[in-house]
Protein backbone atom coordinates (compact mmCIF):
# COMPACT_ATOMS: atom_id res chain seq x y z
CA MET A 1 5.68 -12.50 27.25
CA GLY A 2 8.60 -11.25 25.21
CA ASP A 3 10.92 -8.31 25.33
CA PRO A 4 8.99 -5.02 24.97
CA ARG A 5 11.90 -3.51 23.04
CA LYS A 6 11.70 -6.19 20.38
CA GLN A 7 8.99 -5.67 17.79
CA LYS A 8 6.94 -8.60 16.63
CA LYS A 9 7.14 -9.69 13.04
CA LEU A 10 4.54 -8.01 10.81
CA PHE A 11 4.52 -10.63 8.07
CA HIS A 12 4.30 -14.33 7.40
CA ARG A 13 6.36 -15.65 4.55
CA PRO A 14 4.85 -18.23 2.20
CA ARG A 15 5.24 -21.87 3.20
CA ARG A 16 6.88 -22.75 -0.10
CA ILE A 17 8.98 -19.88 -1.40
CA TRP A 18 10.50 -21.70 -4.35
CA THR A 19 7.34 -22.39 -6.37
CA THR A 20 7.87 -21.13 -9.92
CA ASP A 21 4.41 -19.60 -10.30
CA GLN A 22 4.67 -17.86 -6.97
CA LEU A 23 8.16 -16.54 -7.73
CA ASN A 24 6.98 -15.12 -11.06
CA MET A 25 3.90 -13.53 -9.49
CA GLU A 26 5.95 -11.98 -6.66
CA LEU A 27 8.57 -10.58 -9.03
CA TYR A 28 5.87 -9.09 -11.29
CA ILE A 29 4.15 -7.38 -8.34
CA MET A 30 7.48 -6.16 -6.93
CA GLY A 31 8.42 -4.63 -10.28
CA SER A 32 4.98 -3.10 -10.85
CA TYR A 33 4.83 -1.38 -7.47
CA GLY A 34 8.57 -0.76 -6.92
CA LEU A 35 8.85 -2.75 -3.73
CA ARG A 36 12.29 -2.91 -2.16
CA ASN A 37 12.15 -6.59 -1.20
CA LYS A 38 9.72 -9.44 -0.79
CA ARG A 39 9.26 -8.58 2.86
CA GLU A 40 7.23 -5.51 1.82
CA LEU A 41 5.04 -7.73 -0.35
CA TRP A 42 4.62 -10.27 2.43
CA LYS A 43 3.56 -7.49 4.85
CA ALA A 44 0.82 -6.43 2.43
CA GLN A 45 -0.28 -10.03 1.92
CA THR A 46 -0.43 -10.59 5.68
CA GLU A 47 -2.47 -7.43 6.19
CA MET A 48 -4.97 -8.46 3.51
CA ALA A 49 -5.20 -11.96 5.01
CA ARG A 50 -5.93 -10.38 8.40
CA VAL A 51 -8.74 -8.25 6.95
CA ARG A 52 -10.22 -11.21 5.06
CA ASN A 53 -10.06 -13.38 8.20
CA GLN A 54 -11.96 -10.70 10.12
CA ALA A 55 -14.62 -10.61 7.41
CA ARG A 56 -14.91 -14.41 7.43
CA ALA A 57 -15.25 -14.46 11.22
CA LEU A 58 -17.98 -11.81 11.03
CA LEU A 59 -19.90 -13.80 8.42
CA ALA A 60 -19.97 -16.75 10.84
CA LEU A 61 -21.68 -14.66 13.55
CA SER A 62 -25.39 -13.97 13.80
CA THR A 63 -26.65 -10.76 12.20
CA GLU A 64 -27.33 -8.90 15.46
CA ALA A 65 -23.98 -9.93 16.94
CA ARG A 66 -21.96 -8.77 13.96
CA ALA A 67 -23.71 -5.46 13.17
CA GLU A 68 -21.39 -3.20 15.21
CA LYS A 69 -18.17 -5.01 14.33
CA GLU A 70 -19.08 -5.10 10.64
CA LYS A 71 -19.77 -1.36 10.64
CA ARG A 72 -16.41 -0.68 12.32
CA LEU A 73 -14.50 -2.83 9.83
CA LEU A 74 -16.25 -1.27 6.82
CA ASN A 75 -15.62 2.26 8.16
CA PHE A 76 -11.92 1.48 8.62
CA LEU A 77 -11.60 0.05 5.11
CA SER A 78 -13.49 2.94 3.53
CA ARG A 79 -11.24 5.44 5.37
CA ILE A 80 -8.13 3.92 3.83
CA GLY A 81 -9.82 3.56 0.45
CA LEU A 82 -10.16 -0.22 0.20
CA ALA A 83 -13.96 -0.36 0.41
CA LYS A 84 -16.50 1.85 -1.27
CA GLU A 85 -19.49 3.37 0.47
CA GLY A 86 -22.13 0.68 0.94
CA ALA A 87 -19.70 -2.24 0.53
CA THR A 88 -20.52 -5.64 2.01
CA LEU A 89 -18.43 -8.33 3.62
CA ASP A 90 -18.45 -10.22 0.33
CA ASP A 91 -16.71 -7.24 -1.28
CA ILE A 92 -14.05 -7.40 1.41
CA LEU A 93 -13.45 -11.08 0.72
CA ASN A 94 -12.79 -10.18 -2.93
CA LEU A 95 -9.99 -7.71 -2.09
CA LYS A 96 -6.54 -8.47 -3.46
CA VAL A 97 -3.03 -7.48 -2.39
CA GLU A 98 -2.84 -5.10 -5.34
CA ASP A 99 -5.73 -3.10 -3.86
CA LEU A 100 -3.67 -2.40 -0.75
CA LEU A 101 -0.49 -1.70 -2.75
CA GLU A 102 -2.43 0.91 -4.79
CA ARG A 103 -2.97 2.88 -1.56
CA ARG A 104 0.77 3.23 -0.79
CA LEU A 105 2.21 6.74 -1.01
CA GLN A 106 4.84 5.56 -3.47
CA THR A 107 2.20 4.26 -5.90
CA ILE A 108 0.05 7.37 -5.62
CA VAL A 109 3.05 9.62 -6.29
CA MET A 110 3.92 7.50 -9.32
CA LYS A 111 0.42 7.51 -10.80
CA ARG A 112 -0.81 11.00 -9.99
CA MET A 113 2.29 13.15 -9.68
CA GLY A 114 4.05 12.14 -12.89
CA ALA A 115 6.97 10.02 -11.75
CA LYS A 116 8.39 7.93 -14.57
CA SER A 117 8.74 4.69 -12.64
CA PRO A 118 7.84 3.28 -9.24
CA TYR A 119 11.51 3.40 -8.30
CA GLN A 120 11.71 7.12 -9.06
CA ALA A 121 8.56 7.65 -6.99
CA ARG A 122 10.14 5.71 -4.13
CA GLN A 123 13.23 7.91 -4.30
CA ILE A 124 11.15 11.10 -4.34
CA VAL A 125 9.23 9.99 -1.26
CA SER A 126 12.20 8.68 0.71
CA HIS A 127 14.25 11.84 0.04
CA GLY A 128 11.53 13.90 1.70
CA HIS A 129 10.09 15.71 -1.32
CA VAL A 130 6.48 14.78 -0.52
CA SER A 131 4.22 16.20 2.14
CA ILE A 132 0.68 15.41 3.18
CA GLY A 133 -0.99 18.54 4.45
CA ASN A 134 1.69 20.35 6.44
CA ARG A 135 3.80 17.33 7.44
CA LYS A 136 6.59 15.74 5.48
CA VAL A 137 6.23 11.99 4.87
CA ASN A 138 9.28 10.02 3.80
CA ARG A 139 7.92 6.48 4.07
CA PRO A 140 7.09 4.98 0.66
CA GLY A 141 4.92 2.31 2.29
CA TYR A 142 2.66 4.83 4.04
CA ILE A 143 -1.00 3.91 3.43
CA VAL A 144 -2.75 7.08 2.27
CA LYS A 145 -6.23 7.68 3.64
CA THR A 146 -8.91 8.98 1.30
CA GLU A 147 -9.16 12.39 2.99
CA GLU A 148 -5.37 12.81 2.82
CA GLU A 149 -5.21 12.04 -0.88
CA ALA A 150 -6.10 15.58 -1.96
CA GLN A 151 -3.47 17.05 0.40
CA ILE A 152 -0.44 15.36 -1.18
CA LEU A 153 2.08 17.95 -2.32
CA LEU A 154 5.24 17.38 -4.31
CA HIS A 155 8.13 19.73 -3.50
CA ILE A 156 10.33 19.00 -6.49
CA GLU A 157 10.12 19.72 -10.18
CA ILE A 158 10.25 16.47 -12.18
CA GLN A 159 12.09 17.18 -15.40
CA ALA A 160 12.04 15.10 -18.53
CA ALA A 161 15.36 14.03 -20.01
CA PRO A 162 16.36 16.22 -22.96
CA ALA A 163 16.26 14.77 -26.46
CA GLY A 164 19.50 13.36 -27.80
CA GLY A 165 20.54 11.63 -24.58
CA GLU A 166 22.52 14.60 -23.27
CA ALA A 167 22.65 15.43 -19.61
CA ALA A 168 20.67 18.44 -18.48
CA PRO A 169 22.79 21.49 -17.59
CA ALA A 170 23.27 21.98 -13.87
CA SER A 171 21.61 25.08 -12.48
């Protein structure tokens, strides 16, 4: 049964972690999205594999047996912004890990709020300078729902570095 105090692992690592192509792809994704370690990437890959497996299992069922489950899965994915309105199971099978990583709070802060890099966006989020609605969120890996996206507020002024490479005066 297991110890209730011990959490189960949320990711599966690749079978072969030393493949050159895979290493290059993982490093590119980690740099693009500012992930702390490969474990964060593997969590996203495992989550996408879980969603794709659900879609594959639903495609194997008869149409009347899968109607309710398909609607529930599509509603969940549209709430978190992975599926558009009127998407099909084939669209779900075409989802990539990057689609899920685009929905992380860190990535949204980087793209929409003007952070210079994904690492700066991660620092802004983890230091508690971002709130969604009236609650502070300090988890960079938080998956932002579509209705929460308009409620993201940044509580810090991002300043550009002055020309000439000088440090900005302390205020």
